[in-house]
Amino acid sequence: ISRDNAKNTVYLQMNSLKPEDTAVYFCNPMGTWRTPSDYWGQGAQV
């Protein structure tokens, strides 16, 4: 995981992908270190 503050964008580089990685992936501005917020996008299908 990484971020570009100037672009206000977060990235997830995924290598050595496995079939079990198949899912819809969502980013989330978390309320705390442990807890997601209720803000979600449409997700990206992998």
All heavy atoms as atom14 arrays in JSON, in Angstrom:
{
  "sequence": "ISRDNAKNTVYLQMNSLKPEDTAVYFCNPMGTWRTPSDYWGQGAQV",
  "atom14_mask": [
    [1, 1, 1, 1, 1, 1, 1, 1, 0, 0, 0, 0, 0, 0],
    [1, 1, 1, 1, 1, 1, 0, 0, 0, 0, 0, 0, 0, 0],
    [1, 1, 1, 1, 1, 1, 1, 1, 1, 1, 1, 0, 0, 0],
    [1, 1, 1, 1, 1, 1, 1, 1, 0, 0, 0, 0, 0, 0],
    [1, 1, 1, 1, 1, 1, 1, 1, 0, 0, 0, 0, 0, 0],
    [1, 1, 1, 1, 1, 0, 0, 0, 0, 0, 0, 0, 0, 0],
    [1, 1, 1, 1, 1, 1, 1, 1, 1, 0, 0, 0, 0, 0],
    [1, 1, 1, 1, 1, 1, 1, 1, 0, 0, 0, 0, 0, 0],
    [1, 1, 1, 1, 1, 1, 1, 0, 0, 0, 0, 0, 0, 0],
    [1, 1, 1, 1, 1, 1, 1, 0, 0, 0, 0, 0, 0, 0],
    [1, 1, 1, 1, 1, 1, 1, 1, 1, 1, 1, 1, 0, 0],
    [1, 1, 1, 1, 1, 1, 1, 1, 0, 0, 0, 0, 0, 0],
    [1, 1, 1, 1, 1, 1, 1, 1, 1, 0, 0, 0, 0, 0],
    [1, 1, 1, 1, 1, 1, 1, 1, 0, 0, 0, 0, 0, 0],
    [1, 1, 1, 1, 1, 1, 1, 1, 0, 0, 0, 0, 0, 0],
    [1, 1, 1, 1, 1, 1, 0, 0, 0, 0, 0, 0, 0, 0],
    [1, 1, 1, 1, 1, 1, 1, 1, 0, 0, 0, 0, 0, 0],
    [1, 1, 1, 1, 1, 1, 1, 1, 1, 0, 0, 0, 0, 0],
    [1, 1, 1, 1, 1, 1, 1, 0, 0, 0, 0, 0, 0, 0],
    [1, 1, 1, 1, 1, 1, 1, 1, 1, 0, 0, 0, 0, 0],
    [1, 1, 1, 1, 1, 1, 1, 1, 0, 0, 0, 0, 0, 0],
    [1, 1, 1, 1, 1, 1, 1, 0, 0, 0, 0, 0, 0, 0],
    [1, 1, 1, 1, 1, 0, 0, 0, 0, 0, 0, 0, 0, 0],
    [1, 1, 1, 1, 1, 1, 1, 0, 0, 0, 0, 0, 0, 0],
    [1, 1, 1, 1, 1, 1, 1, 1, 1, 1, 1, 1, 0, 0],
    [1, 1, 1, 1, 1, 1, 1, 1, 1, 1, 1, 0, 0, 0],
    [1, 1, 1, 1, 1, 1, 0, 0, 0, 0, 0, 0, 0, 0],
    [1, 1, 1, 1, 1, 1, 1, 1, 0, 0, 0, 0, 0, 0],
    [1, 1, 1, 1, 1, 1, 1, 0, 0, 0, 0, 0, 0, 0],
    [1, 1, 1, 1, 1, 1, 1, 1, 0, 0, 0, 0, 0, 0],
    [1, 1, 1, 1, 0, 0, 0, 0, 0, 0, 0, 0, 0, 0],
    [1, 1, 1, 1, 1, 1, 1, 0, 0, 0, 0, 0, 0, 0],
    [1, 1, 1, 1, 1, 1, 1, 1, 1, 1, 1, 1, 1, 1],
    [1, 1, 1, 1, 1, 1, 1, 1, 1, 1, 1, 0, 0, 0],
    [1, 1, 1, 1, 1, 1, 1, 0, 0, 0, 0, 0, 0, 0],
    [1, 1, 1, 1, 1, 1, 1, 0, 0, 0, 0, 0, 0, 0],
    [1, 1, 1, 1, 1, 1, 0, 0, 0, 0, 0, 0, 0, 0],
    [1, 1, 1, 1, 1, 1, 1, 1, 0, 0, 0, 0, 0, 0],
    [1, 1, 1, 1, 1, 1, 1, 1, 1, 1, 1, 1, 0, 0],
    [1, 1, 1, 1, 1, 1, 1, 1, 1, 1, 1, 1, 1, 1],
    [1, 1, 1, 1, 0, 0, 0, 0, 0, 0, 0, 0, 0, 0],
    [1, 1, 1, 1, 1, 1, 1, 1, 1, 0, 0, 0, 0, 0],
    [1, 1, 1, 1, 0, 0, 0, 0, 0, 0, 0, 0, 0, 0],
    [1, 1, 1, 1, 1, 0, 0, 0, 0, 0, 0, 0, 0, 0],
    [1, 1, 1, 1, 1, 1, 1, 1, 1, 0, 0, 0, 0, 0],
    [1, 1, 1, 1, 1, 1, 1, 0, 0, 0, 0, 0, 0, 0]
  ],
  "atom14_positions": [
    [[0.84, -1.18, 0.0], [0.0, 0.0, 0.0], [0.88, 1.24, 0.0], [1.94, 1.27, 0.64], [-0.97, 0.0, 1.2], [-1.97, 1.16, 1.09], [-0.21, 0.06, 2.53], [-3.09, 1.1, 2.14], [0.0, 0.0, 0.0], [0.0, 0.0, 0.0], [0.0, 0.0, 0.0], [0.0, 0.0, 0.0], [0.0, 0.0, 0.0], [0.0, 0.0, 0.0]],
    [[0.45, 2.26, -0.72], [1.18, 3.52, -0.76], [0.21, 4.65, -1.03], [-0.97, 4.41, -1.32], [2.29, 3.49, -1.81], [1.74, 3.32, -3.11], [0.0, 0.0, 0.0], [0.0, 0.0, 0.0], [0.0, 0.0, 0.0], [0.0, 0.0, 0.0], [0.0, 0.0, 0.0], [0.0, 0.0, 0.0], [0.0, 0.0, 0.0], [0.0, 0.0, 0.0]],
    [[0.68, 5.86, -0.92], [-0.16, 7.01, -1.21], [0.65, 8.1, -1.87], [1.88, 8.18, -1.71], [-0.84, 7.55, 0.06], [0.14, 8.15, 1.06], [-0.58, 8.72, 2.27], [0.39, 9.36, 3.16], [0.54, 9.1, 4.44], [-0.23, 8.19, 5.03], [1.46, 9.74, 5.15], [0.0, 0.0, 0.0], [0.0, 0.0, 0.0], [0.0, 0.0, 0.0]],
    [[-0.03, 8.94, -2.62], [0.54, 10.12, -3.23], [-0.26, 11.3, -2.69], [-1.39, 11.54, -3.12], [0.47, 10.05, -4.75], [1.18, 11.21, -5.43], [1.22, 12.32, -4.88], [1.69, 11.0, -6.55], [0.0, 0.0, 0.0], [0.0, 0.0, 0.0], [0.0, 0.0, 0.0], [0.0, 0.0, 0.0], [0.0, 0.0, 0.0], [0.0, 0.0, 0.0]],
    [[0.31, 12.01, -1.74], [-0.42, 13.1, -1.09], [-0.79, 14.21, -2.07], [-1.86, 14.8, -1.96], [0.4, 13.67, 0.07], [0.56, 12.68, 1.22], [-0.2, 11.71, 1.33], [1.53, 12.93, 2.07], [0.0, 0.0, 0.0], [0.0, 0.0, 0.0], [0.0, 0.0, 0.0], [0.0, 0.0, 0.0], [0.0, 0.0, 0.0], [0.0, 0.0, 0.0]],
    [[0.09, 14.5, -3.0], [-0.18, 15.56, -3.96], [-1.38, 15.24, -4.83], [-2.14, 16.12, -5.22], [1.05, 15.83, -4.82], [0.0, 0.0, 0.0], [0.0, 0.0, 0.0], [0.0, 0.0, 0.0], [0.0, 0.0, 0.0], [0.0, 0.0, 0.0], [0.0, 0.0, 0.0], [0.0, 0.0, 0.0], [0.0, 0.0, 0.0], [0.0, 0.0, 0.0]],
    [[-1.55, 13.97, -5.16], [-2.69, 13.54, -5.97], [-3.88, 13.1, -5.13], [-4.94, 12.79, -5.68], [-2.27, 12.38, -6.88], [-1.22, 12.76, -7.9], [-0.85, 11.56, -8.77], [0.18, 11.94, -9.82], [0.56, 10.78, -10.66], [0.0, 0.0, 0.0], [0.0, 0.0, 0.0], [0.0, 0.0, 0.0], [0.0, 0.0, 0.0], [0.0, 0.0, 0.0]],
    [[-3.71, 13.06, -3.81], [-4.75, 12.58, -2.89], [-5.26, 11.22, -3.35], [-6.47, 10.97, -3.42], [-5.89, 13.59, -2.78], [-6.53, 13.57, -1.4], [-5.84, 13.52, -0.38], [-7.86, 13.63, -1.34], [0.0, 0.0, 0.0], [0.0, 0.0, 0.0], [0.0, 0.0, 0.0], [0.0, 0.0, 0.0], [0.0, 0.0, 0.0], [0.0, 0.0, 0.0]],
    [[-4.33, 10.34, -3.62], [-4.63, 9.03, -4.17], [-3.88, 7.96, -3.38], [-2.72, 8.16, -2.99], [-4.25, 8.96, -5.65], [-5.01, 9.93, -6.38], [-4.53, 7.58, -6.23], [0.0, 0.0, 0.0], [0.0, 0.0, 0.0], [0.0, 0.0, 0.0], [0.0, 0.0, 0.0], [0.0, 0.0, 0.0], [0.0, 0.0, 0.0], [0.0, 0.0, 0.0]],
    [[-4.54, 6.84, -3.17], [-3.95, 5.69, -2.49], [-3.87, 4.53, -3.48], [-4.76, 4.36, -4.32], [-4.79, 5.3, -1.26], [-4.15, 4.13, -0.52], [-4.94, 6.48, -0.32], [0.0, 0.0, 0.0], [0.0, 0.0, 0.0], [0.0, 0.0, 0.0], [0.0, 0.0, 0.0], [0.0, 0.0, 0.0], [0.0, 0.0, 0.0], [0.0, 0.0, 0.0]],
    [[-2.81, 3.74, -3.36], [-2.57, 2.66, -4.29], [-2.42, 1.34, -3.56], [-2.05, 1.28, -2.39], [-1.28, 2.92, -5.09], [-1.27, 4.23, -5.82], [-0.69, 5.36, -5.25], [-1.86, 4.36, -7.07], [-0.68, 6.58, -5.91], [-1.86, 5.58, -7.74], [-1.27, 6.68, -7.15], [-1.26, 7.88, -7.82], [0.0, 0.0, 0.0], [0.0, 0.0, 0.0]],
    [[-2.71, 0.28, -4.28], [-2.43, -1.06, -3.8], [-1.76, -1.84, -4.92], [-2.41, -2.18, -5.92], [-3.71, -1.78, -3.35], [-3.5, -3.15, -2.72], [-2.8, -3.03, -1.37], [-4.83, -3.88, -2.56], [0.0, 0.0, 0.0], [0.0, 0.0, 0.0], [0.0, 0.0, 0.0], [0.0, 0.0, 0.0], [0.0, 0.0, 0.0], [0.0, 0.0, 0.0]],
    [[-0.47, -2.08, -4.77], [0.27, -2.9, -5.71], [0.12, -4.36, -5.31], [0.47, -4.73, -4.19], [1.74, -2.51, -5.73], [2.6, -3.34, -6.68], [2.26, -3.12, -8.12], [2.11, -1.98, -8.55], [2.11, -4.2, -8.89], [0.0, 0.0, 0.0], [0.0, 0.0, 0.0], [0.0, 0.0, 0.0], [0.0, 0.0, 0.0], [0.0, 0.0, 0.0]],
    [[-0.39, -5.17, -6.2], [-0.66, -6.57, -5.92], [0.21, -7.42, -6.84], [0.06, -7.38, -8.07], [-2.13, -6.89, -6.13], [-3.07, -6.01, -5.31], [-4.81, -6.48, -5.5], [-5.06, -6.05, -7.22], [0.0, 0.0, 0.0], [0.0, 0.0, 0.0], [0.0, 0.0, 0.0], [0.0, 0.0, 0.0], [0.0, 0.0, 0.0], [0.0, 0.0, 0.0]],
    [[1.1, -8.19, -6.25], [1.99, -9.07, -6.99], [1.72, -10.52, -6.61], [1.11, -10.81, -5.59], [3.45, -8.73, -6.7], [3.84, -7.33, -7.11], [3.33, -6.8, -8.1], [4.76, -6.72, -6.37], [0.0, 0.0, 0.0], [0.0, 0.0, 0.0], [0.0, 0.0, 0.0], [0.0, 0.0, 0.0], [0.0, 0.0, 0.0], [0.0, 0.0, 0.0]],
    [[2.21, -11.42, -7.44], [2.07, -12.86, -7.2], [0.64, -13.22, -6.87], [0.35, -13.94, -5.9], [3.01, -13.29, -6.06], [4.36, -12.99, -6.39], [0.0, 0.0, 0.0], [0.0, 0.0, 0.0], [0.0, 0.0, 0.0], [0.0, 0.0, 0.0], [0.0, 0.0, 0.0], [0.0, 0.0, 0.0], [0.0, 0.0, 0.0], [0.0, 0.0, 0.0]],
    [[-0.27, -12.75, -7.68], [-1.69, -12.93, -7.39], [-2.1, -14.4, -7.45], [-1.58, -15.17, -8.27], [-2.53, -12.11, -8.36], [-2.56, -10.61, -8.04], [-3.0, -9.81, -9.24], [-3.49, -10.36, -6.85], [0.0, 0.0, 0.0], [0.0, 0.0, 0.0], [0.0, 0.0, 0.0], [0.0, 0.0, 0.0], [0.0, 0.0, 0.0], [0.0, 0.0, 0.0]],
    [[-3.01, -14.74, -6.57], [-3.54, -16.09, -6.44], [-5.03, -16.08, -6.71], [-5.69, -15.06, -6.52], [-3.27, -16.62, -5.03], [-1.82, -16.6, -4.61], [-1.68, -17.02, -3.14], [-0.24, -17.0, -2.69], [-0.11, -17.39, -1.26], [0.0, 0.0, 0.0], [0.0, 0.0, 0.0], [0.0, 0.0, 0.0], [0.0, 0.0, 0.0], [0.0, 0.0, 0.0]],
    [[-5.6, -17.22, -7.11], [-7.05, -17.26, -7.31], [-7.83, -16.8, -6.09], [-8.9, -16.19, -6.24], [-7.31, -18.73, -7.63], [-6.05, -19.18, -8.28], [-4.95, -18.47, -7.54], [0.0, 0.0, 0.0], [0.0, 0.0, 0.0], [0.0, 0.0, 0.0], [0.0, 0.0, 0.0], [0.0, 0.0, 0.0], [0.0, 0.0, 0.0], [0.0, 0.0, 0.0]],
    [[-7.35, -17.07, -4.89], [-8.05, -16.67, -3.69], [-8.03, -15.17, -3.44], [-8.69, -14.68, -2.53], [-7.5, -17.41, -2.46], [-6.0, -17.36, -2.33], [-5.31, -18.6, -2.88], [-5.68, -19.03, -4.0], [-4.42, -19.14, -2.21], [0.0, 0.0, 0.0], [0.0, 0.0, 0.0], [0.0, 0.0, 0.0], [0.0, 0.0, 0.0], [0.0, 0.0, 0.0]],
    [[-7.27, -14.42, -4.25], [-7.31, -12.97, -4.18], [-8.5, -12.39, -4.94], [-8.73, -11.18, -4.89], [-6.03, -12.36, -4.75], [-4.81, -12.71, -3.93], [-4.89, -12.67, -2.68], [-3.75, -13.01, -4.53], [0.0, 0.0, 0.0], [0.0, 0.0, 0.0], [0.0, 0.0, 0.0], [0.0, 0.0, 0.0], [0.0, 0.0, 0.0], [0.0, 0.0, 0.0]],
    [[-9.23, -13.23, -5.65], [-10.39, -12.77, -6.41], [-11.42, -12.17, -5.46], [-11.88, -12.82, -4.52], [-11.0, -13.92, -7.2], [-10.07, -14.39, -8.17], [-12.27, -13.49, -7.91], [0.0, 0.0, 0.0], [0.0, 0.0, 0.0], [0.0, 0.0, 0.0], [0.0, 0.0, 0.0], [0.0, 0.0, 0.0], [0.0, 0.0, 0.0], [0.0, 0.0, 0.0]],
    [[-11.8, -10.92, -5.71], [-12.73, -10.21, -4.84], [-12.98, -8.83, -5.43], [-12.34, -8.41, -6.39], [-12.15, -10.07, -3.43], [0.0, 0.0, 0.0], [0.0, 0.0, 0.0], [0.0, 0.0, 0.0], [0.0, 0.0, 0.0], [0.0, 0.0, 0.0], [0.0, 0.0, 0.0], [0.0, 0.0, 0.0], [0.0, 0.0, 0.0], [0.0, 0.0, 0.0]],
    [[-13.93, -8.13, -4.83], [-14.08, -6.71, -5.08], [-13.28, -5.97, -4.03], [-13.43, -6.22, -2.82], [-15.56, -6.28, -5.04], [-15.68, -4.78, -5.3], [-16.36, -7.06, -6.07], [0.0, 0.0, 0.0], [0.0, 0.0, 0.0], [0.0, 0.0, 0.0], [0.0, 0.0, 0.0], [0.0, 0.0, 0.0], [0.0, 0.0, 0.0], [0.0, 0.0, 0.0]],
    [[-12.44, -5.05, -4.46], [-11.55, -4.32, -3.57], [-12.05, -2.9, -3.37], [-12.39, -2.21, -4.33], [-10.13, -4.3, -4.15], [-9.41, -5.62, -4.01], [-9.79, -6.71, -4.77], [-8.36, -5.77, -3.1], [-9.14, -7.93, -4.64], [-7.71, -6.98, -2.97], [-8.1, -8.06, -3.74], [-7.45, -9.27, -3.6], [0.0, 0.0, 0.0], [0.0, 0.0, 0.0]],
    [[-12.08, -2.47, -2.13], [-12.57, -1.15, -1.75], [-11.51, -0.4, -0.96], [-10.82, -0.99, -0.13], [-13.81, -1.26, -0.86], [-14.97, -1.98, -1.48], [-15.11, -3.34, -1.34], [-15.93, -1.28, -2.2], [-16.19, -4.02, -1.9], [-17.01, -1.94, -2.76], [-17.13, -3.31, -2.62], [0.0, 0.0, 0.0], [0.0, 0.0, 0.0], [0.0, 0.0, 0.0]],
    [[-11.4, 0.89, -1.18], [-10.6, 1.73, -0.3], [-11.52, 2.43, 0.69], [-12.72, 2.57, 0.46], [-9.76, 2.74, -1.08], [-10.69, 3.96, -2.02], [0.0, 0.0, 0.0], [0.0, 0.0, 0.0], [0.0, 0.0, 0.0], [0.0, 0.0, 0.0], [0.0, 0.0, 0.0], [0.0, 0.0, 0.0], [0.0, 0.0, 0.0], [0.0, 0.0, 0.0]],
    [[-10.94, 2.84, 1.81], [-11.75, 3.4, 2.88], [-10.92, 4.34, 3.76], [-9.84, 3.96, 4.2], [-12.32, 2.27, 3.75], [-13.18, 2.77, 4.88], [-12.7, 2.97, 5.99], [-14.45, 2.99, 4.59], [0.0, 0.0, 0.0], [0.0, 0.0, 0.0], [0.0, 0.0, 0.0], [0.0, 0.0, 0.0], [0.0, 0.0, 0.0], [0.0, 0.0, 0.0]],
    [[-11.42, 5.56, 3.98], [-10.79, 6.43, 4.97], [-11.25, 5.99, 6.35], [-12.41, 6.15, 6.72], [-11.32, 7.82, 4.6], [-12.65, 7.56, 3.97], [-12.56, 6.21, 3.31], [0.0, 0.0, 0.0], [0.0, 0.0, 0.0], [0.0, 0.0, 0.0], [0.0, 0.0, 0.0], [0.0, 0.0, 0.0], [0.0, 0.0, 0.0], [0.0, 0.0, 0.0]],
    [[-10.34, 5.41, 7.11], [-10.74, 4.74, 8.32], [-10.96, 5.72, 9.47], [-10.28, 6.75, 9.56], [-9.69, 3.68, 8.7], [-9.55, 2.62, 7.61], [-8.34, 1.33, 7.97], [-9.15, 0.48, 9.31], [0.0, 0.0, 0.0], [0.0, 0.0, 0.0], [0.0, 0.0, 0.0], [0.0, 0.0, 0.0], [0.0, 0.0, 0.0], [0.0, 0.0, 0.0]],
    [[-11.92, 5.4, 10.31], [-12.2, 6.25, 11.46], [-11.11, 6.19, 12.5], [-10.83, 7.19, 13.18], [0.0, 0.0, 0.0], [0.0, 0.0, 0.0], [0.0, 0.0, 0.0], [0.0, 0.0, 0.0], [0.0, 0.0, 0.0], [0.0, 0.0, 0.0], [0.0, 0.0, 0.0], [0.0, 0.0, 0.0], [0.0, 0.0, 0.0], [0.0, 0.0, 0.0]],
    [[-10.5, 5.03, 12.66], [-9.37, 4.81, 13.54], [-8.41, 3.85, 12.84], [-8.67, 3.4, 11.73], [-9.8, 4.21, 14.89], [-10.24, 2.87, 14.7], [-10.92, 5.03, 15.53], [0.0, 0.0, 0.0], [0.0, 0.0, 0.0], [0.0, 0.0, 0.0], [0.0, 0.0, 0.0], [0.0, 0.0, 0.0], [0.0, 0.0, 0.0], [0.0, 0.0, 0.0]],
    [[-7.33, 3.54, 13.51], [-6.38, 2.57, 12.97], [-7.05, 1.22, 12.75], [-6.65, 0.48, 11.84], [-5.19, 2.44, 13.91], [-4.17, 1.41, 13.51], [-3.87, 0.26, 14.16], [-3.31, 1.46, 12.36], [-2.87, -0.43, 13.51], [-2.51, 0.29, 12.39], [-3.13, 2.37, 11.31], [-1.55, 0.01, 11.41], [-2.19, 2.08, 10.33], [-1.41, 0.92, 10.41]],
    [[-8.07, 0.9, 13.57], [-8.7, -0.41, 13.52], [-10.09, -0.43, 12.87], [-10.57, -1.51, 12.52], [-8.83, -0.98, 14.93], [-7.5, -1.16, 15.68], [-6.61, -2.17, 14.98], [-7.22, -3.5, 14.94], [-7.01, -4.44, 15.84], [-6.2, -4.22, 16.87], [-7.61, -5.62, 15.73], [0.0, 0.0, 0.0], [0.0, 0.0, 0.0], [0.0, 0.0, 0.0]],
    [[-10.71, 0.7, 12.71], [-12.12, 0.74, 12.36], [-12.37, 1.5, 11.07], [-11.98, 2.66, 10.94], [-12.93, 1.4, 13.48], [-12.66, 0.76, 14.73], [-14.42, 1.32, 13.18], [0.0, 0.0, 0.0], [0.0, 0.0, 0.0], [0.0, 0.0, 0.0], [0.0, 0.0, 0.0], [0.0, 0.0, 0.0], [0.0, 0.0, 0.0], [0.0, 0.0, 0.0]],
    [[-13.02, 0.88, 10.09], [-13.36, 1.62, 8.87], [-14.45, 2.64, 9.12], [-15.26, 2.5, 10.04], [-13.82, 0.53, 7.91], [-14.36, -0.54, 8.81], [-13.48, -0.52, 10.02], [0.0, 0.0, 0.0], [0.0, 0.0, 0.0], [0.0, 0.0, 0.0], [0.0, 0.0, 0.0], [0.0, 0.0, 0.0], [0.0, 0.0, 0.0], [0.0, 0.0, 0.0]],
    [[-14.5, 3.64, 8.26], [-15.6, 4.57, 8.27], [-16.73, 4.01, 7.41], [-16.62, 2.91, 6.85], [-15.16, 5.93, 7.72], [-14.98, 5.86, 6.31], [0.0, 0.0, 0.0], [0.0, 0.0, 0.0], [0.0, 0.0, 0.0], [0.0, 0.0, 0.0], [0.0, 0.0, 0.0], [0.0, 0.0, 0.0], [0.0, 0.0, 0.0], [0.0, 0.0, 0.0]],
    [[-17.8, 4.76, 7.3], [-18.93, 4.35, 6.48], [-18.85, 4.89, 5.06], [-19.84, 4.82, 4.32], [-20.24, 4.79, 7.13], [-20.55, 4.03, 8.4], [-20.14, 2.86, 8.51], [-21.19, 4.61, 9.3], [0.0, 0.0, 0.0], [0.0, 0.0, 0.0], [0.0, 0.0, 0.0], [0.0, 0.0, 0.0], [0.0, 0.0, 0.0], [0.0, 0.0, 0.0]],
    [[-17.7, 5.4, 4.68], [-17.51, 5.9, 3.33], [-16.91, 4.8, 2.46], [-15.81, 4.3, 2.73], [-16.6, 7.13, 3.32], [-17.16, 8.31, 4.06], [-16.57, 8.77, 5.23], [-18.28, 8.99, 3.57], [-17.08, 9.86, 5.9], [-18.79, 10.08, 4.24], [-18.19, 10.52, 5.41], [-18.69, 11.6, 6.08], [0.0, 0.0, 0.0], [0.0, 0.0, 0.0]],
    [[-17.62, 4.45, 1.4], [-17.17, 3.41, 0.48], [-17.42, 3.84, -0.95], [-18.4, 4.54, -1.24], [-17.91, 2.09, 0.73], [-17.73, 1.56, 2.12], [-18.57, 1.72, 3.19], [-16.63, 0.78, 2.6], [-18.06, 1.09, 4.3], [-16.88, 0.5, 3.96], [-15.47, 0.28, 2.01], [-16.0, -0.25, 4.74], [-14.59, -0.46, 2.78], [-14.87, -0.72, 4.13]],
    [[-16.56, 3.43, -1.85], [-16.77, 3.66, -3.26], [-17.43, 2.48, -3.92], [-18.03, 1.62, -3.26], [0.0, 0.0, 0.0], [0.0, 0.0, 0.0], [0.0, 0.0, 0.0], [0.0, 0.0, 0.0], [0.0, 0.0, 0.0], [0.0, 0.0, 0.0], [0.0, 0.0, 0.0], [0.0, 0.0, 0.0], [0.0, 0.0, 0.0], [0.0, 0.0, 0.0]],
    [[-17.34, 2.43, -5.23], [-17.99, 1.35, -5.98], [-17.18, 0.06, -5.97], [-17.7, -1.01, -6.3], [-18.24, 1.8, -7.42], [-17.04, 1.68, -8.36], [-15.95, 2.72, -8.14], [-16.12, 3.66, -7.36], [-14.83, 2.55, -8.82], [0.0, 0.0, 0.0], [0.0, 0.0, 0.0], [0.0, 0.0, 0.0], [0.0, 0.0, 0.0], [0.0, 0.0, 0.0]],
    [[-15.91, 0.14, -5.65], [-15.04, -1.01, -5.63], [-14.45, -1.32, -6.99], [-14.93, -0.86, -8.03], [0.0, 0.0, 0.0], [0.0, 0.0, 0.0], [0.0, 0.0, 0.0], [0.0, 0.0, 0.0], [0.0, 0.0, 0.0], [0.0, 0.0, 0.0], [0.0, 0.0, 0.0], [0.0, 0.0, 0.0], [0.0, 0.0, 0.0], [0.0, 0.0, 0.0]],
    [[-13.38, -2.09, -6.97], [-12.72, -2.55, -8.18], [-12.7, -4.07, -8.19], [-12.21, -4.69, -7.24], [-11.29, -2.01, -8.27], [0.0, 0.0, 0.0], [0.0, 0.0, 0.0], [0.0, 0.0, 0.0], [0.0, 0.0, 0.0], [0.0, 0.0, 0.0], [0.0, 0.0, 0.0], [0.0, 0.0, 0.0], [0.0, 0.0, 0.0], [0.0, 0.0, 0.0]],
    [[-13.21, -4.65, -9.24], [-13.26, -6.1, -9.36], [-11.9, -6.64, -9.78], [-11.33, -6.19, -10.78], [-14.32, -6.52, -10.38], [-14.37, -8.02, -10.62], [-14.87, -8.79, -9.42], [-15.99, -8.58, -8.96], [-14.04, -9.69, -8.9], [0.0, 0.0, 0.0], [0.0, 0.0, 0.0], [0.0, 0.0, 0.0], [0.0, 0.0, 0.0], [0.0, 0.0, 0.0]],
    [[-11.41, -7.6, -9.02], [-10.17, -8.3, -9.34], [-10.5, -9.78, -9.49], [-11.07, -10.38, -8.58], [-9.1, -8.09, -8.26], [-7.88, -8.98, -8.54], [-8.69, -6.63, -8.2], [0.0, 0.0, 0.0], [0.0, 0.0, 0.0], [0.0, 0.0, 0.0], [0.0, 0.0, 0.0], [0.0, 0.0, 0.0], [0.0, 0.0, 0.0], [0.0, 0.0, 0.0]]
  ]
}
